[in-house]
Amino acid sequence: LLWDRKSNGLTGLVLAFRVFTSFWLLFVIVISTAYTSKLFGFLAFPIHESAPQTFEELADSNYEVGLRYIGGAGYNSFLTSESPALRKIFRTMELIKDPLAVFERALNSIFCCISYELQYQYSVQQNLSDVYGSSALNLAPASLSHVRWVGDTQGGHFWRAD
């Protein structure tokens, strides 16, 4: 870069400048590579909000809740429950009669649907799955007697009966 023409060599100041510039360039390359790889990682594998896994987590979450309502035991389980979490869910849940609309709503918003297992399997497999039978909807491990909920990592959730 800078040569001292008098001594045909590098002076201390020029050598220090070259060392500083070399370390600075190395630092810039490392930082820009790290930033680019981190950005690529976020784009390739975006971070999803973790879905509630229990009724208590669901009651404390910001999810809207809907019951796939056909009358009977599912509704009465929430109506007569003494659990504070189930009572809180019951106060805010919406009764929905259209089986397909309730599952589609869970796919497109932060929504949890409570449904019987056979209703879930039939509606999702017939209308909301790909050719291999997979869907973006997932079952959650929480259960309550005959009611268990189904969660989705993309925002919507469902419940099913055991």
C-alpha atoms as a PDB file:
ATOM      1  CA  LEU A   1       0.000   0.000   0.000  1.00  0.00           C
ATOM      2  CA  LEU A   2       2.349   2.685   1.225  1.00  0.00           C
ATOM      3  CA  TRP A   3       6.075   2.202   0.726  1.00  0.00           C
ATOM      4  CA  ASP A   4       8.779   4.355   2.125  1.00  0.00           C
ATOM      5  CA  ARG A   5      10.926   5.084  -0.933  1.00  0.00           C
ATOM      6  CA  LYS A   6      13.895   6.236   1.121  1.00  0.00           C
ATOM      7  CA  SER A   7      14.527   2.955   2.926  1.00  0.00           C
ATOM      8  CA  ASN A   8      12.931   0.584   0.397  1.00  0.00           C
ATOM      9  CA  GLY A   9      10.788  -0.876   3.195  1.00  0.00           C
ATOM     10  CA  LEU A  10       7.800  -0.242   5.341  1.00  0.00           C
ATOM     11  CA  THR A  11       7.966   2.296   8.103  1.00  0.00           C
ATOM     12  CA  GLY A  12       6.343   1.608  11.479  1.00  0.00           C
ATOM     13  CA  LEU A  13       3.379   3.867  10.707  1.00  0.00           C
ATOM     14  CA  VAL A  14       2.708   2.260   7.351  1.00  0.00           C
ATOM     15  CA  LEU A  15       3.048  -1.223   8.821  1.00  0.00           C
ATOM     16  CA  ALA A  16       0.604  -0.357  11.602  1.00  0.00           C
ATOM     17  CA  PHE A  17      -1.848   1.004   9.026  1.00  0.00           C
ATOM     18  CA  ARG A  18      -1.622  -2.196   6.970  1.00  0.00           C
ATOM     19  CA  VAL A  19      -2.138  -4.420  10.015  1.00  0.00           C
ATOM     20  CA  PHE A  20      -5.122  -2.332  11.131  1.00  0.00           C
ATOM     21  CA  THR A  21      -6.635  -2.386   7.624  1.00  0.00           C
ATOM     22  CA  SER A  22      -6.134  -6.152   7.320  1.00  0.00           C
ATOM     23  CA  PHE A  23      -7.842  -6.830  10.658  1.00  0.00           C
ATOM     24  CA  TRP A  24     -10.637  -4.405   9.791  1.00  0.00           C
ATOM     25  CA  LEU A  25     -11.295  -6.136   6.458  1.00  0.00           C
ATOM     26  CA  LEU A  26     -11.255  -9.543   8.138  1.00  0.00           C
ATOM     27  CA  PHE A  27     -13.702  -8.257  10.770  1.00  0.00           C
ATOM     28  CA  VAL A  28     -16.040  -6.874   8.086  1.00  0.00           C
ATOM     29  CA  ILE A  29     -15.988 -10.160   6.166  1.00  0.00           C
ATOM     30  CA  VAL A  30     -16.748 -12.219   9.296  1.00  0.00           C
ATOM     31  CA  ILE A  31     -19.564  -9.925  10.469  1.00  0.00           C
ATOM     32  CA  SER A  32     -21.213  -9.671   7.047  1.00  0.00           C
ATOM     33  CA  THR A  33     -20.999 -13.455   6.561  1.00  0.00           C
ATOM     34  CA  ALA A  34     -22.504 -14.087   9.998  1.00  0.00           C
ATOM     35  CA  TYR A  35     -25.330 -11.605   9.345  1.00  0.00           C
ATOM     36  CA  THR A  36     -26.065 -13.100   5.928  1.00  0.00           C
ATOM     37  CA  SER A  37     -26.148 -16.660   7.275  1.00  0.00           C
ATOM     38  CA  LYS A  38     -28.386 -15.659  10.208  1.00  0.00           C
ATOM     39  CA  LEU A  39     -30.751 -13.821   7.848  1.00  0.00           C
ATOM     40  CA  PHE A  40     -30.868 -16.810   5.517  1.00  0.00           C
ATOM     41  CA  GLY A  41     -31.633 -19.077   8.482  1.00  0.00           C
ATOM     42  CA  PHE A  42     -34.590 -16.918   9.553  1.00  0.00           C
ATOM     43  CA  LEU A  43     -35.936 -16.849   6.003  1.00  0.00           C
ATOM     44  CA  ALA A  44     -35.537 -20.597   5.515  1.00  0.00           C
ATOM     45  CA  PHE A  45     -36.853 -21.573   8.969  1.00  0.00           C
ATOM     46  CA  PRO A  46     -39.057 -18.785  10.357  1.00  0.00           C
ATOM     47  CA  ILE A  47     -39.797 -18.734  14.061  1.00  0.00           C
ATOM     48  CA  HIS A  48     -43.395 -19.678  14.817  1.00  0.00           C
ATOM     49  CA  GLU A  49     -45.269 -18.875  17.950  1.00  0.00           C
ATOM     50  CA  SER A  50     -45.515 -22.006  20.047  1.00  0.00           C
ATOM     51  CA  ALA A  51     -49.053 -23.270  20.358  1.00  0.00           C
ATOM     52  CA  PRO A  52     -50.683 -23.801  23.749  1.00  0.00           C
ATOM     53  CA  GLN A  53     -50.385 -27.428  24.797  1.00  0.00           C
ATOM     54  CA  THR A  54     -52.861 -27.555  27.703  1.00  0.00           C
ATOM     55  CA  PHE A  55     -56.291 -26.150  28.479  1.00  0.00           C
ATOM     56  CA  GLU A  56     -54.687 -23.816  31.024  1.00  0.00           C
ATOM     57  CA  GLU A  57     -52.295 -22.448  28.415  1.00  0.00           C
ATOM     58  CA  LEU A  58     -55.173 -22.067  25.963  1.00  0.00           C
ATOM     59  CA  ALA A  59     -57.255 -20.183  28.536  1.00  0.00           C
ATOM     60  CA  ASP A  60     -54.353 -17.791  29.193  1.00  0.00           C
ATOM     61  CA  SER A  61     -53.452 -17.329  25.515  1.00  0.00           C
ATOM     62  CA  ASN A  62     -54.754 -14.818  22.989  1.00  0.00           C
ATOM     63  CA  TYR A  63     -56.365 -17.533  20.842  1.00  0.00           C
ATOM     64  CA  GLU A  64     -60.005 -17.290  19.908  1.00  0.00           C
ATOM     65  CA  VAL A  65     -61.825 -20.535  20.702  1.00  0.00           C
ATOM     66  CA  GLY A  66     -64.692 -22.132  18.818  1.00  0.00           C
ATOM     67  CA  LEU A  67     -66.657 -25.282  19.576  1.00  0.00           C
ATOM     68  CA  ARG A  68     -67.743 -27.377  16.610  1.00  0.00           C
ATOM     69  CA  TYR A  69     -71.242 -27.490  18.012  1.00  0.00           C
ATOM     70  CA  ILE A  70     -73.694 -30.258  17.339  1.00  0.00           C
ATOM     71  CA  GLY A  71     -75.066 -30.234  20.884  1.00  0.00           C
ATOM     72  CA  GLY A  72     -74.426 -32.798  23.549  1.00  0.00           C
ATOM     73  CA  ALA A  73     -71.446 -33.895  25.559  1.00  0.00           C
ATOM     74  CA  GLY A  74     -68.773 -31.521  24.256  1.00  0.00           C
ATOM     75  CA  TYR A  75     -70.797 -28.447  25.148  1.00  0.00           C
ATOM     76  CA  ASN A  76     -71.939 -29.926  28.471  1.00  0.00           C
ATOM     77  CA  SER A  77     -68.358 -30.802  29.435  1.00  0.00           C
ATOM     78  CA  PHE A  78     -67.461 -27.142  29.352  1.00  0.00           C
ATOM     79  CA  LEU A  79     -70.782 -25.976  30.798  1.00  0.00           C
ATOM     80  CA  THR A  80     -70.564 -28.172  33.899  1.00  0.00           C
ATOM     81  CA  SER A  81     -66.798 -28.124  34.431  1.00  0.00           C
ATOM     82  CA  GLU A  82     -65.391 -26.906  37.726  1.00  0.00           C
ATOM     83  CA  SER A  83     -61.960 -26.221  36.229  1.00  0.00           C
ATOM     84  CA  PRO A  84     -61.178 -22.474  36.133  1.00  0.00           C
ATOM     85  CA  ALA A  85     -59.429 -22.875  32.778  1.00  0.00           C
ATOM     86  CA  LEU A  86     -62.396 -24.653  31.175  1.00  0.00           C
ATOM     87  CA  ARG A  87     -64.824 -22.098  32.612  1.00  0.00           C
ATOM     88  CA  LYS A  88     -62.719 -19.278  31.152  1.00  0.00           C
ATOM     89  CA  ILE A  89     -62.646 -21.016  27.766  1.00  0.00           C
ATOM     90  CA  PHE A  90     -66.421 -21.599  27.943  1.00  0.00           C
ATOM     91  CA  ARG A  91     -67.140 -17.908  28.601  1.00  0.00           C
ATOM     92  CA  THR A  92     -65.281 -16.812  25.472  1.00  0.00           C
ATOM     93  CA  MET A  93     -65.853 -19.688  23.069  1.00  0.00           C
ATOM     94  CA  GLU A  94     -68.026 -19.397  20.010  1.00  0.00           C
ATOM     95  CA  LEU A  95     -70.451 -22.137  18.905  1.00  0.00           C
ATOM     96  CA  ILE A  96     -69.977 -22.984  15.232  1.00  0.00           C
ATOM     97  CA  LYS A  97     -72.182 -25.409  13.302  1.00  0.00           C
ATOM     98  CA  ASP A  98     -70.416 -25.496   9.915  1.00  0.00           C
ATOM     99  CA  PRO A  99     -67.716 -28.195  10.185  1.00  0.00           C
ATOM    100  CA  LEU A 100     -65.578 -27.049   7.279  1.00  0.00           C
ATOM    101  CA  ALA A 101     -65.713 -23.331   8.081  1.00  0.00           C
ATOM    102  CA  VAL A 102     -64.470 -23.896  11.618  1.00  0.00           C
ATOM    103  CA  PHE A 103     -61.413 -25.836  10.438  1.00  0.00           C
ATOM    104  CA  GLU A 104     -60.639 -23.339   7.655  1.00  0.00           C
ATOM    105  CA  ARG A 105     -60.844 -20.515  10.187  1.00  0.00           C
ATOM    106  CA  ALA A 106     -58.267 -22.252  12.351  1.00  0.00           C
ATOM    107  CA  LEU A 107     -55.907 -22.490   9.386  1.00  0.00           C
ATOM    108  CA  ASN A 108     -56.105 -18.788   8.625  1.00  0.00           C
ATOM    109  CA  SER A 109     -56.091 -17.101  12.033  1.00  0.00           C
ATOM    110  CA  ILE A 110     -55.137 -17.487  15.679  1.00  0.00           C
ATOM    111  CA  PHE A 111     -58.100 -19.696  16.408  1.00  0.00           C
ATOM    112  CA  CYS A 112     -58.642 -22.967  18.244  1.00  0.00           C
ATOM    113  CA  CYS A 113     -61.472 -25.282  17.307  1.00  0.00           C
ATOM    114  CA  ILE A 114     -62.869 -27.900  19.656  1.00  0.00           C
ATOM    115  CA  SER A 115     -64.331 -30.866  17.828  1.00  0.00           C
ATOM    116  CA  TYR A 116     -64.843 -34.608  18.039  1.00  0.00           C
ATOM    117  CA  GLU A 117     -62.094 -36.724  16.509  1.00  0.00           C
ATOM    118  CA  LEU A 118     -64.209 -38.266  13.768  1.00  0.00           C
ATOM    119  CA  GLN A 119     -65.488 -34.863  12.674  1.00  0.00           C
ATOM    120  CA  TYR A 120     -61.946 -33.570  12.572  1.00  0.00           C
ATOM    121  CA  GLN A 121     -60.593 -36.549  10.637  1.00  0.00           C
ATOM    122  CA  TYR A 122     -63.399 -36.546   8.099  1.00  0.00           C
ATOM    123  CA  SER A 123     -63.447 -32.784   7.470  1.00  0.00           C
ATOM    124  CA  VAL A 124     -59.690 -32.332   7.312  1.00  0.00           C
ATOM    125  CA  GLN A 125     -58.916 -35.473   5.293  1.00  0.00           C
ATOM    126  CA  GLN A 126     -61.685 -34.770   2.793  1.00  0.00           C
ATOM    127  CA  ASN A 127     -61.203 -31.037   2.384  1.00  0.00           C
ATOM    128  CA  LEU A 128     -58.007 -29.637   3.920  1.00  0.00           C
ATOM    129  CA  SER A 129     -55.251 -32.181   3.270  1.00  0.00           C
ATOM    130  CA  ASP A 130     -52.879 -32.737   0.380  1.00  0.00           C
ATOM    131  CA  VAL A 131     -52.701 -35.848  -1.799  1.00  0.00           C
ATOM    132  CA  TYR A 132     -50.638 -37.602   0.882  1.00  0.00           C
ATOM    133  CA  GLY A 133     -53.220 -36.945   3.605  1.00  0.00           C
ATOM    134  CA  SER A 134     -51.132 -34.437   5.546  1.00  0.00           C
ATOM    135  CA  SER A 135     -52.451 -31.129   6.796  1.00  0.00           C
ATOM    136  CA  ALA A 136     -51.045 -28.072   8.566  1.00  0.00           C
ATOM    137  CA  LEU A 137     -53.286 -28.905  11.530  1.00  0.00           C
ATOM    138  CA  ASN A 138     -51.786 -30.874  14.406  1.00  0.00           C
ATOM    139  CA  LEU A 139     -53.145 -32.530  17.507  1.00  0.00           C
ATOM    140  CA  ALA A 140     -52.154 -31.101  20.851  1.00  0.00           C
ATOM    141  CA  PRO A 141     -51.403 -33.474  23.745  1.00  0.00           C
ATOM    142  CA  ALA A 142     -53.942 -31.958  26.171  1.00  0.00           C
ATOM    143  CA  SER A 143     -57.086 -33.967  26.820  1.00  0.00           C
ATOM    144  CA  LEU A 144     -60.112 -33.821  29.053  1.00  0.00           C
ATOM    145  CA  SER A 145     -62.196 -37.006  29.291  1.00  0.00           C
ATOM    146  CA  HIS A 146     -63.511 -37.293  25.747  1.00  0.00           C
ATOM    147  CA  VAL A 147     -62.249 -33.924  24.461  1.00  0.00           C
ATOM    148  CA  ARG A 148     -58.735 -33.317  23.158  1.00  0.00           C
ATOM    149  CA  TRP A 149     -57.518 -30.375  21.154  1.00  0.00           C
ATOM    150  CA  VAL A 150     -55.645 -30.215  17.913  1.00  0.00           C
ATOM    151  CA  GLY A 151     -52.980 -27.549  17.401  1.00  0.00           C
ATOM    152  CA  ASP A 152     -51.441 -25.987  14.334  1.00  0.00           C
ATOM    153  CA  THR A 153     -47.998 -24.388  14.214  1.00  0.00           C
ATOM    154  CA  GLN A 154     -49.183 -21.863  11.677  1.00  0.00           C
ATOM    155  CA  GLY A 155     -51.679 -20.148  13.939  1.00  0.00           C
ATOM    156  CA  GLY A 156     -54.914 -22.151  14.100  1.00  0.00           C
ATOM    157  CA  HIS A 157     -55.865 -24.953  16.440  1.00  0.00           C
ATOM    158  CA  PHE A 158     -58.444 -27.696  16.767  1.00  0.00           C
ATOM    159  CA  TRP A 159     -59.702 -29.978  19.501  1.00  0.00           C
ATOM    160  CA  ARG A 160     -60.793 -33.525  19.063  1.00  0.00           C
ATOM    161  CA  ALA A 161     -62.519 -36.170  21.111  1.00  0.00           C
ATOM    162  CA  ASP A 162     -60.670 -39.342  22.081  1.00  0.00           C
END
